Amino acid sequence: QVQLVESGGGLVQAGGSLRLSCAASRSIFSDNAMGWYRQAPGKQRELVAFITSGGSTNYKDSVKGRFTISRDNAKNTVYLHMNSLKPEDTAVYYCNQFTMSWFIENDYDYWGQGTQVTVSS
């Protein structure tokens, strides 16, 4: 059974920080790269960052130096530490596996409920 449960979002002032967590089922987490995605109102969902099973990371340019993705393989959990938040970071944030198919299809079969991040100016 695929399960993705995101948490940790909230309302924060610009310049503030949040830590998002995502508990994933073993079937989707184990040995897979994991990613954080976000969708702002009226916009397409976009990839924010991903981390391979070995711990290599990659970030969207606009979040480099501010966001850090990490994973705890023992807990099947992936995190997103967000610092120096900006109003343009406001979105619903989702986690999911990351595969190269994302760049073609921009979608997966299953998504969790996401967690809302709102950054006020």
PDB file of N, CA and C in Angstrom:
ATOM      1  N   GLN A   1       0.855  -1.195   0.000  1.00  0.00           N
ATOM      2  CA  GLN A   1       0.000   0.000   0.000  1.00  0.00           C
ATOM      3  C   GLN A   1       0.885   1.238   0.000  1.00  0.00           C
ATOM      4  N   VAL A   2       0.639   2.141  -0.926  1.00  0.00           N
ATOM      5  CA  VAL A   2       1.404   3.378  -1.010  1.00  0.00           C
ATOM      6  C   VAL A   2       0.845   4.386  -0.019  1.00  0.00           C
ATOM      7  N   GLN A   3       1.729   4.962   0.761  1.00  0.00           N
ATOM      8  CA  GLN A   3       1.307   5.963   1.730  1.00  0.00           C
ATOM      9  C   GLN A   3       2.338   7.073   1.804  1.00  0.00           C
ATOM     10  N   LEU A   4       1.876   8.300   1.715  1.00  0.00           N
ATOM     11  CA  LEU A   4       2.713   9.485   1.850  1.00  0.00           C
ATOM     12  C   LEU A   4       1.981  10.459   2.755  1.00  0.00           C
ATOM     13  N   VAL A   5       2.589  10.795   3.888  1.00  0.00           N
ATOM     14  CA  VAL A   5       1.959  11.681   4.850  1.00  0.00           C
ATOM     15  C   VAL A   5       2.906  12.836   5.144  1.00  0.00           C
ATOM     16  N   GLU A   6       2.551  14.015   4.638  1.00  0.00           N
ATOM     17  CA  GLU A   6       3.360  15.214   4.839  1.00  0.00           C
ATOM     18  C   GLU A   6       2.864  15.988   6.056  1.00  0.00           C
ATOM     19  N   SER A   7       3.782  16.645   6.744  1.00  0.00           N
ATOM     20  CA  SER A   7       3.423  17.464   7.907  1.00  0.00           C
ATOM     21  C   SER A   7       4.471  18.541   8.118  1.00  0.00           C
ATOM     22  N   GLY A   8       4.139  19.504   8.978  1.00  0.00           N
ATOM     23  CA  GLY A   8       5.108  20.520   9.352  1.00  0.00           C
ATOM     24  C   GLY A   8       4.892  21.883   8.733  1.00  0.00           C
ATOM     25  N   GLY A   9       3.922  22.007   7.852  1.00  0.00           N
ATOM     26  CA  GLY A   9       3.670  23.300   7.245  1.00  0.00           C
ATOM     27  C   GLY A   9       3.042  24.268   8.227  1.00  0.00           C
ATOM     28  N   GLY A  10       2.857  25.493   7.775  1.00  0.00           N
ATOM     29  CA  GLY A  10       2.254  26.499   8.624  1.00  0.00           C
ATOM     30  C   GLY A  10       2.398  27.879   8.043  1.00  0.00           C
ATOM     31  N   LEU A  11       2.052  28.859   8.863  1.00  0.00           N
ATOM     32  CA  LEU A  11       2.168  30.265   8.486  1.00  0.00           C
ATOM     33  C   LEU A  11       3.420  30.834   9.148  1.00  0.00           C
ATOM     34  N   VAL A  12       4.262  31.456   8.364  1.00  0.00           N
ATOM     35  CA  VAL A  12       5.513  31.999   8.882  1.00  0.00           C
ATOM     36  C   VAL A  12       5.802  33.326   8.189  1.00  0.00           C
ATOM     37  N   GLN A  13       6.468  34.206   8.884  1.00  0.00           N
ATOM     38  CA  GLN A  13       6.859  35.484   8.287  1.00  0.00           C
ATOM     39  C   GLN A  13       8.073  35.295   7.373  1.00  0.00           C
ATOM     40  N   ALA A  14       8.209  36.186   6.422  1.00  0.00           N
ATOM     41  CA  ALA A  14       9.374  36.153   5.539  1.00  0.00           C
ATOM     42  C   ALA A  14      10.651  36.173   6.377  1.00  0.00           C
ATOM     43  N   GLY A  15      11.584  35.334   5.973  1.00  0.00           N
ATOM     44  CA  GLY A  15      12.829  35.190   6.722  1.00  0.00           C
ATOM     45  C   GLY A  15      12.801  34.074   7.741  1.00  0.00           C
ATOM     46  N   GLY A  16      11.630  33.532   7.980  1.00  0.00           N
ATOM     47  CA  GLY A  16      11.483  32.466   8.961  1.00  0.00           C
ATOM     48  C   GLY A  16      11.860  31.097   8.424  1.00  0.00           C
ATOM     49  N   SER A  17      11.659  30.091   9.274  1.00  0.00           N
ATOM     50  CA  SER A  17      12.052  28.729   8.943  1.00  0.00           C
ATOM     51  C   SER A  17      10.924  27.747   9.262  1.00  0.00           C
ATOM     52  N   LEU A  18      10.937  26.653   8.542  1.00  0.00           N
ATOM     53  CA  LEU A  18      10.041  25.534   8.803  1.00  0.00           C
ATOM     54  C   LEU A  18      10.773  24.248   8.471  1.00  0.00           C
ATOM     55  N   ARG A  19      10.354  23.169   9.106  1.00  0.00           N
ATOM     56  CA  ARG A  19      10.859  21.852   8.747  1.00  0.00           C
ATOM     57  C   ARG A  19       9.684  20.964   8.390  1.00  0.00           C
ATOM     58  N   LEU A  20       9.666  20.501   7.172  1.00  0.00           N
ATOM     59  CA  LEU A  20       8.623  19.596   6.712  1.00  0.00           C
ATOM     60  C   LEU A  20       9.099  18.148   6.874  1.00  0.00           C
ATOM     61  N   SER A  21       8.151  17.277   7.169  1.00  0.00           N
ATOM     62  CA  SER A  21       8.442  15.852   7.286  1.00  0.00           C
ATOM     63  C   SER A  21       7.500  15.075   6.382  1.00  0.00           C
ATOM     64  N   CYS A  22       7.966  13.949   5.915  1.00  0.00           N
ATOM     65  CA  CYS A  22       7.131  13.087   5.085  1.00  0.00           C
ATOM     66  C   CYS A  22       7.411  11.642   5.464  1.00  0.00           C
ATOM     67  N   ALA A  23       6.378  10.996   5.997  1.00  0.00           N
ATOM     68  CA  ALA A  23       6.463   9.567   6.302  1.00  0.00           C
ATOM     69  C   ALA A  23       5.934   8.797   5.107  1.00  0.00           C
ATOM     70  N   ALA A  24       6.778   7.945   4.572  1.00  0.00           N
ATOM     71  CA  ALA A  24       6.410   7.208   3.362  1.00  0.00           C
ATOM     72  C   ALA A  24       6.348   5.715   3.643  1.00  0.00           C
ATOM     73  N   SER A  25       5.531   5.044   2.885  1.00  0.00           N
ATOM     74  CA  SER A  25       5.489   3.592   3.000  1.00  0.00           C
ATOM     75  C   SER A  25       6.797   3.015   2.469  1.00  0.00           C
ATOM     76  N   ARG A  26       7.156   1.875   3.005  1.00  0.00           N
ATOM     77  CA  ARG A  26       8.420   1.271   2.616  1.00  0.00           C
ATOM     78  C   ARG A  26       8.474   0.989   1.116  1.00  0.00           C
ATOM     79  N   SER A  27       7.349   0.676   0.547  1.00  0.00           N
ATOM     80  CA  SER A  27       7.293   0.313  -0.874  1.00  0.00           C
ATOM     81  C   SER A  27       7.720   1.468  -1.771  1.00  0.00           C
ATOM     82  N   ILE A  28       7.483   2.692  -1.339  1.00  0.00           N
ATOM     83  CA  ILE A  28       7.842   3.834  -2.176  1.00  0.00           C
ATOM     84  C   ILE A  28       9.153   4.451  -1.742  1.00  0.00           C
ATOM     85  N   PHE A  29       9.570   4.218  -0.507  1.00  0.00           N
ATOM     86  CA  PHE A  29      10.767   4.852   0.026  1.00  0.00           C
ATOM     87  C   PHE A  29      12.025   4.027  -0.212  1.00  0.00           C
ATOM     88  N   SER A  30      11.928   2.773   0.036  1.00  0.00           N
ATOM     89  CA  SER A  30      13.103   1.915   0.049  1.00  0.00           C
ATOM     90  C   SER A  30      13.855   1.928  -1.274  1.00  0.00           C
ATOM     91  N   ASP A  31      15.140   2.249  -1.223  1.00  0.00           N
ATOM     92  CA  ASP A  31      16.037   2.221  -2.384  1.00  0.00           C
ATOM     93  C   ASP A  31      15.664   3.205  -3.480  1.00  0.00           C
ATOM     94  N   ASN A  32      14.723   4.091  -3.201  1.00  0.00           N
ATOM     95  CA  ASN A  32      14.310   5.071  -4.216  1.00  0.00           C
ATOM     96  C   ASN A  32      14.778   6.471  -3.867  1.00  0.00           C
ATOM     97  N   ALA A  33      15.044   7.248  -4.887  1.00  0.00           N
ATOM     98  CA  ALA A  33      15.220   8.676  -4.663  1.00  0.00           C
ATOM     99  C   ALA A  33      13.873   9.263  -4.261  1.00  0.00           C
ATOM    100  N   MET A  34      13.935  10.244  -3.380  1.00  0.00           N
ATOM    101  CA  MET A  34      12.723  10.909  -2.906  1.00  0.00           C
ATOM    102  C   MET A  34      12.817  12.397  -3.190  1.00  0.00           C
ATOM    103  N   GLY A  35      11.664  12.991  -3.439  1.00  0.00           N
ATOM    104  CA  GLY A  35      11.653  14.408  -3.762  1.00  0.00           C
ATOM    105  C   GLY A  35      10.596  15.172  -2.996  1.00  0.00           C
ATOM    106  N   TRP A  36      10.835  16.458  -2.897  1.00  0.00           N
ATOM    107  CA  TRP A  36       9.817  17.399  -2.414  1.00  0.00           C
ATOM    108  C   TRP A  36       9.355  18.233  -3.605  1.00  0.00           C
ATOM    109  N   TYR A  37       8.063  18.401  -3.692  1.00  0.00           N
ATOM    110  CA  TYR A  37       7.438  19.135  -4.773  1.00  0.00           C
ATOM    111  C   TYR A  37       6.531  20.197  -4.149  1.00  0.00           C
ATOM    112  N   ARG A  38       6.167  21.196  -4.926  1.00  0.00           N
ATOM    113  CA  ARG A  38       5.229  22.186  -4.413  1.00  0.00           C
ATOM    114  C   ARG A  38       4.333  22.688  -5.539  1.00  0.00           C
ATOM    115  N   GLN A  39       3.163  23.134  -5.126  1.00  0.00           N
ATOM    116  CA  GLN A  39       2.206  23.684  -6.081  1.00  0.00           C
ATOM    117  C   GLN A  39       1.595  24.935  -5.498  1.00  0.00           C
ATOM    118  N   ALA A  40       1.852  26.039  -6.141  1.00  0.00           N
ATOM    119  CA  ALA A  40       1.279  27.317  -5.751  1.00  0.00           C
ATOM    120  C   ALA A  40      -0.057  27.501  -6.459  1.00  0.00           C
ATOM    121  N   PRO A  41      -0.933  28.325  -5.927  1.00  0.00           N
ATOM    122  CA  PRO A  41      -2.237  28.532  -6.560  1.00  0.00           C
ATOM    123  C   PRO A  41      -2.099  28.974  -8.006  1.00  0.00           C
ATOM    124  N   GLY A  42      -2.813  28.296  -8.889  1.00  0.00           N
ATOM    125  CA  GLY A  42      -2.801  28.670 -10.292  1.00  0.00           C
ATOM    126  C   GLY A  42      -1.566  28.246 -11.057  1.00  0.00           C
ATOM    127  N   LYS A  43      -0.693  27.502 -10.409  1.00  0.00           N
ATOM    128  CA  LYS A  43       0.552  27.081 -11.062  1.00  0.00           C
ATOM    129  C   LYS A  43       0.672  25.563 -11.069  1.00  0.00           C
ATOM    130  N   GLN A  44       1.528  25.079 -11.948  1.00  0.00           N
ATOM    131  CA  GLN A  44       1.781  23.646 -12.004  1.00  0.00           C
ATOM    132  C   GLN A  44       2.655  23.213 -10.837  1.00  0.00           C
ATOM    133  N   ARG A  45       2.517  21.968 -10.479  1.00  0.00           N
ATOM    134  CA  ARG A  45       3.383  21.405  -9.450  1.00  0.00           C
ATOM    135  C   ARG A  45       4.820  21.366  -9.979  1.00  0.00           C
ATOM    136  N   GLU A  46       5.753  21.707  -9.104  1.00  0.00           N
ATOM    137  CA  GLU A  46       7.146  21.748  -9.524  1.00  0.00           C
ATOM    138  C   GLU A  46       8.022  20.991  -8.535  1.00  0.00           C
ATOM    139  N   LEU A  47       9.125  20.519  -9.040  1.00  0.00           N
ATOM    140  CA  LEU A  47      10.108  19.817  -8.213  1.00  0.00           C
ATOM    141  C   LEU A  47      10.946  20.842  -7.466  1.00  0.00           C
ATOM    142  N   VAL A  48      11.068  20.674  -6.177  1.00  0.00           N
ATOM    143  CA  VAL A  48      11.848  21.592  -5.353  1.00  0.00           C
ATOM    144  C   VAL A  48      13.240  21.023  -5.069  1.00  0.00           C
ATOM    145  N   ALA A  49      13.292  19.751  -4.707  1.00  0.00           N
ATOM    146  CA  ALA A  49      14.563  19.118  -4.374  1.00  0.00           C
ATOM    147  C   ALA A  49      14.377  17.610  -4.392  1.00  0.00           C
ATOM    148  N   PHE A  50      15.480  16.899  -4.620  1.00  0.00           N
ATOM    149  CA  PHE A  50      15.407  15.455  -4.467  1.00  0.00           C
ATOM    150  C   PHE A  50      16.682  14.932  -3.830  1.00  0.00           C
ATOM    151  N   ILE A  51      16.570  13.740  -3.268  1.00  0.00           N
ATOM    152  CA  ILE A  51      17.703  13.099  -2.610  1.00  0.00           C
ATOM    153  C   ILE A  51      17.715  11.633  -3.021  1.00  0.00           C
ATOM    154  N   THR A  52      18.861  11.145  -3.435  1.00  0.00           N
ATOM    155  CA  THR A  52      18.965   9.746  -3.848  1.00  0.00           C
ATOM    156  C   THR A  52      19.035   8.841  -2.623  1.00  0.00           C
ATOM    157  N   SER A  53      18.959   7.560  -2.864  1.00  0.00           N
ATOM    158  CA  SER A  53      19.048   6.616  -1.763  1.00  0.00           C
ATOM    159  C   SER A  53      20.405   6.700  -1.080  1.00  0.00           C
ATOM    160  N   GLY A  54      21.408   7.143  -1.822  1.00  0.00           N
ATOM    161  CA  GLY A  54      22.742   7.277  -1.256  1.00  0.00           C
ATOM    162  C   GLY A  54      23.017   8.613  -0.617  1.00  0.00           C
ATOM    163  N   GLY A  55      22.062   9.535  -0.718  1.00  0.00           N
ATOM    164  CA  GLY A  55      22.209  10.820  -0.046  1.00  0.00           C
ATOM    165  C   GLY A  55      22.629  11.985  -0.920  1.00  0.00           C
ATOM    166  N   SER A  56      22.805  11.774  -2.199  1.00  0.00           N
ATOM    167  CA  SER A  56      23.100  12.900  -3.093  1.00  0.00           C
ATOM    168  C   SER A  56      21.864  13.749  -3.265  1.00  0.00           C
ATOM    169  N   THR A  57      22.077  15.062  -3.352  1.00  0.00           N
ATOM    170  CA  THR A  57      20.950  15.979  -3.395  1.00  0.00           C
ATOM    171  C   THR A  57      21.013  16.899  -4.602  1.00  0.00           C
ATOM    172  N   ASN A  58      19.850  17.440  -4.932  1.00  0.00           N
ATOM    173  CA  ASN A  58      19.753  18.396  -6.031  1.00  0.00           C
ATOM    174  C   ASN A  58      18.610  19.334  -5.716  1.00  0.00           C
ATOM    175  N   TYR A  59      18.791  20.631  -6.047  1.00  0.00           N
ATOM    176  CA  TYR A  59      17.807  21.649  -5.675  1.00  0.00           C
ATOM    177  C   TYR A  59      17.417  22.523  -6.848  1.00  0.00           C
ATOM    178  N   LYS A  60      16.191  22.963  -6.805  1.00  0.00           N
ATOM    179  CA  LYS A  60      15.744  24.012  -7.715  1.00  0.00           C
ATOM    180  C   LYS A  60      16.578  25.255  -7.419  1.00  0.00           C
ATOM    181  N   ASP A  61      16.938  25.982  -8.480  1.00  0.00           N
ATOM    182  CA  ASP A  61      17.847  27.113  -8.309  1.00  0.00           C
ATOM    183  C   ASP A  61      17.353  28.116  -7.268  1.00  0.00           C
ATOM    184  N   SER A  62      16.067  28.389  -7.260  1.00  0.00           N
ATOM    185  CA  SER A  62      15.543  29.449  -6.386  1.00  0.00           C
ATOM    186  C   SER A  62      15.582  29.083  -4.899  1.00  0.00           C
ATOM    187  N   VAL A  63      15.846  27.816  -4.575  1.00  0.00           N
ATOM    188  CA  VAL A  63      15.889  27.423  -3.161  1.00  0.00           C
ATOM    189  C   VAL A  63      17.296  27.020  -2.718  1.00  0.00           C
ATOM    190  N   LYS A  64      18.230  26.992  -3.640  1.00  0.00           N
ATOM    191  CA  LYS A  64      19.606  26.627  -3.277  1.00  0.00           C
ATOM    192  C   LYS A  64      20.141  27.551  -2.204  1.00  0.00           C
ATOM    193  N   GLY A  65      20.779  26.949  -1.212  1.00  0.00           N
ATOM    194  CA  GLY A  65      21.333  27.729  -0.110  1.00  0.00           C
ATOM    195  C   GLY A  65      20.327  28.053   0.975  1.00  0.00           C
ATOM    196  N   ARG A  66      19.048  27.811   0.724  1.00  0.00           N
ATOM    197  CA  ARG A  66      18.009  28.090   1.727  1.00  0.00           C
ATOM    198  C   ARG A  66      17.332  26.817   2.210  1.00  0.00           C
ATOM    199  N   PHE A  67      17.151  25.862   1.334  1.00  0.00           N
ATOM    200  CA  PHE A  67      16.460  24.607   1.665  1.00  0.00           C
ATOM    201  C   PHE A  67      17.468  23.461   1.738  1.00  0.00           C
ATOM    202  N   THR A  68      17.200  22.511   2.618  1.00  0.00           N
ATOM    203  CA  THR A  68      18.026  21.316   2.723  1.00  0.00           C
ATOM    204  C   THR A  68      17.114  20.102   2.813  1.00  0.00           C
ATOM    205  N   ILE A  69      17.324  19.153   1.918  1.00  0.00           N
ATOM    206  CA  ILE A  69      16.570  17.912   1.946  1.00  0.00           C
ATOM    207  C   ILE A  69      17.427  16.837   2.607  1.00  0.00           C
ATOM    208  N   SER A  70      16.788  16.005   3.412  1.00  0.00           N
ATOM    209  CA  SER A  70      17.502  14.911   4.066  1.00  0.00           C
ATOM    210  C   SER A  70      16.550  13.731   4.215  1.00  0.00           C
ATOM    211  N   ARG A  71      17.105  12.589   4.554  1.00  0.00           N
ATOM    212  CA  ARG A  71      16.270  11.404   4.703  1.00  0.00           C
ATOM    213  C   ARG A  71      16.792  10.543   5.848  1.00  0.00           C
ATOM    214  N   ASP A  72      15.865   9.858   6.491  1.00  0.00           N
ATOM    215  CA  ASP A  72      16.184   8.892   7.538  1.00  0.00           C
ATOM    216  C   ASP A  72      15.685   7.544   7.028  1.00  0.00           C
ATOM    217  N   ASN A  73      16.594   6.732   6.528  1.00  0.00           N
ATOM    218  CA  ASN A  73      16.197   5.468   5.912  1.00  0.00           C
ATOM    219  C   ASN A  73      15.599   4.494   6.930  1.00  0.00           C
ATOM    220  N   ALA A  74      15.997   4.603   8.171  1.00  0.00           N
ATOM    221  CA  ALA A  74      15.456   3.715   9.202  1.00  0.00           C
ATOM    222  C   ALA A  74      13.992   4.022   9.499  1.00  0.00           C
ATOM    223  N   LYS A  75      13.598   5.259   9.257  1.00  0.00           N
ATOM    224  CA  LYS A  75      12.227   5.685   9.562  1.00  0.00           C
ATOM    225  C   LYS A  75      11.380   5.882   8.310  1.00  0.00           C
ATOM    226  N   ASN A  76      11.950   5.605   7.139  1.00  0.00           N
ATOM    227  CA  ASN A  76      11.225   5.842   5.873  1.00  0.00           C
ATOM    228  C   ASN A  76      10.674   7.262   5.822  1.00  0.00           C
ATOM    229  N   THR A  77      11.494   8.218   6.223  1.00  0.00           N
ATOM    230  CA  THR A  77      11.051   9.603   6.334  1.00  0.00           C
ATOM    231  C   THR A  77      12.018  10.521   5.590  1.00  0.00           C
ATOM    232  N   VAL A  78      11.448  11.487   4.906  1.00  0.00           N
ATOM    233  CA  VAL A  78      12.251  12.500   4.231  1.00  0.00           C
ATOM    234  C   VAL A  78      11.865  13.860   4.787  1.00  0.00           C
ATOM    235  N   TYR A  79      12.848  14.734   4.905  1.00  0.00           N
ATOM    236  CA  TYR A  79      12.645  16.054   5.505  1.00  0.00           C
ATOM    237  C   TYR A  79      13.006  17.154   4.519  1.00  0.00           C
ATOM    238  N   LEU A  80      12.426  18.311   4.757  1.00  0.00           N
ATOM    239  CA  LEU A  80      12.829  19.510   4.027  1.00  0.00           C
ATOM    240  C   LEU A  80      12.956  20.641   5.025  1.00  0.00           C
ATOM    241  N   HIS A  81      14.188  21.041   5.267  1.00  0.00           N
ATOM    242  CA  HIS A  81      14.446  22.170   6.133  1.00  0.00           C
ATOM    243  C   HIS A  81      14.463  23.423   5.267  1.00  0.00           C
ATOM    244  N   MET A  82      13.627  24.373   5.620  1.00  0.00           N
ATOM    245  CA  MET A  82      13.477  25.586   4.827  1.00  0.00           C
ATOM    246  C   MET A  82      13.833  26.787   5.677  1.00  0.00           C
ATOM    247  N   ASN A  83      14.843  27.521   5.245  1.00  0.00           N
ATOM    248  CA  ASN A  83      15.276  28.736   5.926  1.00  0.00           C
ATOM    249  C   ASN A  83      15.102  29.934   5.009  1.00  0.00           C
ATOM    250  N   SER A  84      15.152  31.104   5.596  1.00  0.00           N
ATOM    251  CA  SER A  84      15.041  32.359   4.825  1.00  0.00           C
ATOM    252  C   SER A  84      13.861  32.309   3.865  1.00  0.00           C
ATOM    253  N   LEU A  85      12.736  31.922   4.377  1.00  0.00           N
ATOM    254  CA  LEU A  85      11.558  31.757   3.531  1.00  0.00           C
ATOM    255  C   LEU A  85      11.104  33.083   2.938  1.00  0.00           C
ATOM    256  N   LYS A  86      10.575  32.978   1.727  1.00  0.00           N
ATOM    257  CA  LYS A  86      10.107  34.154   0.985  1.00  0.00           C
ATOM    258  C   LYS A  86       8.627  33.957   0.646  1.00  0.00           C
ATOM    259  N   PRO A  87       7.912  35.036   0.423  1.00  0.00           N
ATOM    260  CA  PRO A  87       6.493  34.892   0.046  1.00  0.00           C
ATOM    261  C   PRO A  87       6.296  33.988  -1.178  1.00  0.00           C
ATOM    262  N   GLU A  88       7.251  34.006  -2.100  1.00  0.00           N
ATOM    263  CA  GLU A  88       7.101  33.165  -3.297  1.00  0.00           C
ATOM    264  C   GLU A  88       7.287  31.676  -3.011  1.00  0.00           C
ATOM    265  N   ASP A  89       7.659  31.322  -1.799  1.00  0.00           N
ATOM    266  CA  ASP A  89       7.708  29.921  -1.399  1.00  0.00           C
ATOM    267  C   ASP A  89       6.338  29.399  -0.976  1.00  0.00           C
ATOM    268  N   THR A  90       5.368  30.285  -0.894  1.00  0.00           N
ATOM    269  CA  THR A  90       4.021  29.873  -0.499  1.00  0.00           C
ATOM    270  C   THR A  90       3.455  28.862  -1.487  1.00  0.00           C
ATOM    271  N   ALA A  91       3.038  27.723  -0.963  1.00  0.00           N
ATOM    272  CA  ALA A  91       2.536  26.637  -1.808  1.00  0.00           C
ATOM    273  C   ALA A  91       2.101  25.480  -0.922  1.00  0.00           C
ATOM    274  N   VAL A  92       1.454  24.513  -1.538  1.00  0.00           N
ATOM    275  CA  VAL A  92       1.264  23.221  -0.879  1.00  0.00           C
ATOM    276  C   VAL A  92       2.461  22.350  -1.250  1.00  0.00           C
ATOM    277  N   TYR A  93       3.082  21.791  -0.246  1.00  0.00           N
ATOM    278  CA  TYR A  93       4.286  20.993  -0.450  1.00  0.00           C
ATOM    279  C   TYR A  93       3.950  19.508  -0.330  1.00  0.00           C
ATOM    280  N   TYR A  94       4.474  18.741  -1.260  1.00  0.00           N
ATOM    281  CA  TYR A  94       4.241  17.308  -1.322  1.00  0.00           C
ATOM    282  C   TYR A  94       5.579  16.581  -1.385  1.00  0.00           C
ATOM    283  N   CYS A  95       5.598  15.374  -0.875  1.00  0.00           N
ATOM    284  CA  CYS A  95       6.745  14.509  -1.127  1.00  0.00           C
ATOM    285  C   CYS A  95       6.294  13.348  -1.991  1.00  0.00           C
ATOM    286  N   ASN A  96       7.234  12.737  -2.653  1.00  0.00           N
ATOM    287  CA  ASN A  96       6.958  11.567  -3.476  1.00  0.00           C
ATOM    288  C   ASN A  96       8.289  10.969  -3.887  1.00  0.00           C
ATOM    289  N   GLN A  97       8.252   9.847  -4.511  1.00  0.00           N
ATOM    290  CA  GLN A  97       9.458   9.335  -5.112  1.00  0.00           C
ATOM    291  C   GLN A  97       9.956  10.339  -6.140  1.00  0.00           C
ATOM    292  N   PHE A  98      11.214  10.222  -6.519  1.00  0.00           N
ATOM    293  CA  PHE A  98      11.699  11.001  -7.641  1.00  0.00           C
ATOM    294  C   PHE A  98      12.224  10.025  -8.688  1.00  0.00           C
ATOM    295  N   THR A  99      11.729  10.149  -9.894  1.00  0.00           N
ATOM    296  CA  THR A  99      12.262   9.384 -11.016  1.00  0.00           C
ATOM    297  C   THR A  99      12.438  10.312 -12.211  1.00  0.00           C
ATOM    298  N   MET A 100      13.233   9.908 -13.153  1.00  0.00           N
ATOM    299  CA  MET A 100      13.479  10.745 -14.318  1.00  0.00           C
ATOM    300  C   MET A 100      12.221  10.945 -15.146  1.00  0.00           C
ATOM    301  N   SER A 101      11.218  10.090 -14.964  1.00  0.00           N
ATOM    302  CA  SER A 101       9.952  10.261 -15.679  1.00  0.00           C
ATOM    303  C   SER A 101       9.272  11.575 -15.308  1.00  0.00           C
ATOM    304  N   TRP A 102       9.649  12.141 -14.167  1.00  0.00           N
ATOM    305  CA  TRP A 102       9.050  13.419 -13.767  1.00  0.00           C
ATOM    306  C   TRP A 102       9.240  14.482 -14.842  1.00  0.00           C
ATOM    307  N   PHE A 103      10.398  14.492 -15.470  1.00  0.00           N
ATOM    308  CA  PHE A 103      10.707  15.544 -16.445  1.00  0.00           C
ATOM    309  C   PHE A 103       9.904  15.384 -17.730  1.00  0.00           C
ATOM    310  N   ILE A 104       9.266  14.238 -17.914  1.00  0.00           N
ATOM    311  CA  ILE A 104       8.425  14.019 -19.089  1.00  0.00           C
ATOM    312  C   ILE A 104       6.952  14.136 -18.731  1.00  0.00           C
ATOM    313  N   GLU A 105       6.565  13.508 -17.646  1.00  0.00           N
ATOM    314  CA  GLU A 105       5.137  13.418 -17.318  1.00  0.00           C
ATOM    315  C   GLU A 105       4.687  14.428 -16.265  1.00  0.00           C
ATOM    316  N   ASN A 106       5.610  14.946 -15.480  1.00  0.00           N
ATOM    317  CA  ASN A 106       5.262  15.899 -14.425  1.00  0.00           C
ATOM    318  C   ASN A 106       4.142  15.388 -13.527  1.00  0.00           C
ATOM    319  N   ASP A 107       4.095  14.117 -13.296  1.00  0.00           N
ATOM    320  CA  ASP A 107       3.046  13.567 -12.449  1.00  0.00           C
ATOM    321  C   ASP A 107       3.427  12.150 -12.044  1.00  0.00           C
ATOM    322  N   TYR A 108       2.804  11.712 -10.958  1.00  0.00           N
ATOM    323  CA  TYR A 108       2.887  10.327 -10.518  1.00  0.00           C
ATOM    324  C   TYR A 108       1.465   9.844 -10.256  1.00  0.00           C
ATOM    325  N   ASP A 109       1.339   8.546 -10.075  1.00  0.00           N
ATOM    326  CA  ASP A 109       0.005   7.966  -9.905  1.00  0.00           C
ATOM    327  C   ASP A 109      -0.613   8.303  -8.553  1.00  0.00           C
ATOM    328  N   TYR A 110       0.215   8.550  -7.565  1.00  0.00           N
ATOM    329  CA  TYR A 110      -0.325   8.743  -6.225  1.00  0.00           C
ATOM    330  C   TYR A 110       0.362   9.929  -5.562  1.00  0.00           C
ATOM    331  N   TRP A 111      -0.430  10.734  -4.857  1.00  0.00           N
ATOM    332  CA  TRP A 111       0.092  11.844  -4.075  1.00  0.00           C
ATOM    333  C   TRP A 111      -0.556  11.823  -2.697  1.00  0.00           C
ATOM    334  N   GLY A 112       0.148  12.296  -1.720  1.00  0.00           N
ATOM    335  CA  GLY A 112      -0.433  12.495  -0.405  1.00  0.00           C
ATOM    336  C   GLY A 112      -1.249  13.769  -0.362  1.00  0.00           C
ATOM    337  N   GLN A 113      -1.661  14.171   0.833  1.00  0.00           N
ATOM    338  CA  GLN A 113      -2.517  15.352   0.955  1.00  0.00           C
ATOM    339  C   GLN A 113      -1.726  16.650   0.920  1.00  0.00           C
ATOM    340  N   GLY A 114      -0.437  16.550   1.104  1.00  0.00           N
ATOM    341  CA  GLY A 114       0.397  17.754   1.100  1.00  0.00           C
ATOM    342  C   GLY A 114       0.301  18.524   2.405  1.00  0.00           C
ATOM    343  N   THR A 115       1.163  19.520   2.550  1.00  0.00           N
ATOM    344  CA  THR A 115       1.135  20.395   3.711  1.00  0.00           C
ATOM    345  C   THR A 115       1.293  21.836   3.243  1.00  0.00           C
ATOM    346  N   GLN A 116       0.439  22.700   3.750  1.00  0.00           N
ATOM    347  CA  GLN A 116       0.407  24.094   3.286  1.00  0.00           C
ATOM    348  C   GLN A 116       1.512  24.899   3.963  1.00  0.00           C
ATOM    349  N   VAL A 117       2.266  25.617   3.166  1.00  0.00           N
ATOM    350  CA  VAL A 117       3.252  26.574   3.657  1.00  0.00           C
ATOM    351  C   VAL A 117       2.838  27.945   3.159  1.00  0.00           C
ATOM    352  N   THR A 118       2.657  28.859   4.087  1.00  0.00           N
ATOM    353  CA  THR A 118       2.289  30.225   3.750  1.00  0.00           C
ATOM    354  C   THR A 118       3.309  31.168   4.362  1.00  0.00           C
ATOM    355  N   VAL A 119       3.922  31.985   3.514  1.00  0.00           N
ATOM    356  CA  VAL A 119       4.934  32.928   3.968  1.00  0.00           C
ATOM    357  C   VAL A 119       4.397  34.339   3.773  1.00  0.00           C
ATOM    358  N   SER A 120       4.256  35.051   4.859  1.00  0.00           N
ATOM    359  CA  SER A 120       3.741  36.415   4.793  1.00  0.00           C
ATOM    360  C   SER A 120       4.892  37.406   4.658  1.00  0.00           C
ATOM    361  N   SER A 121       4.613  38.504   3.969  1.00  0.00           N
ATOM    362  CA  SER A 121       5.657  39.521   3.753  1.00  0.00           C
ATOM    363  C   SER A 121       5.686  40.527   4.880  1.00  0.00           C
TER     364      SER A 121
END
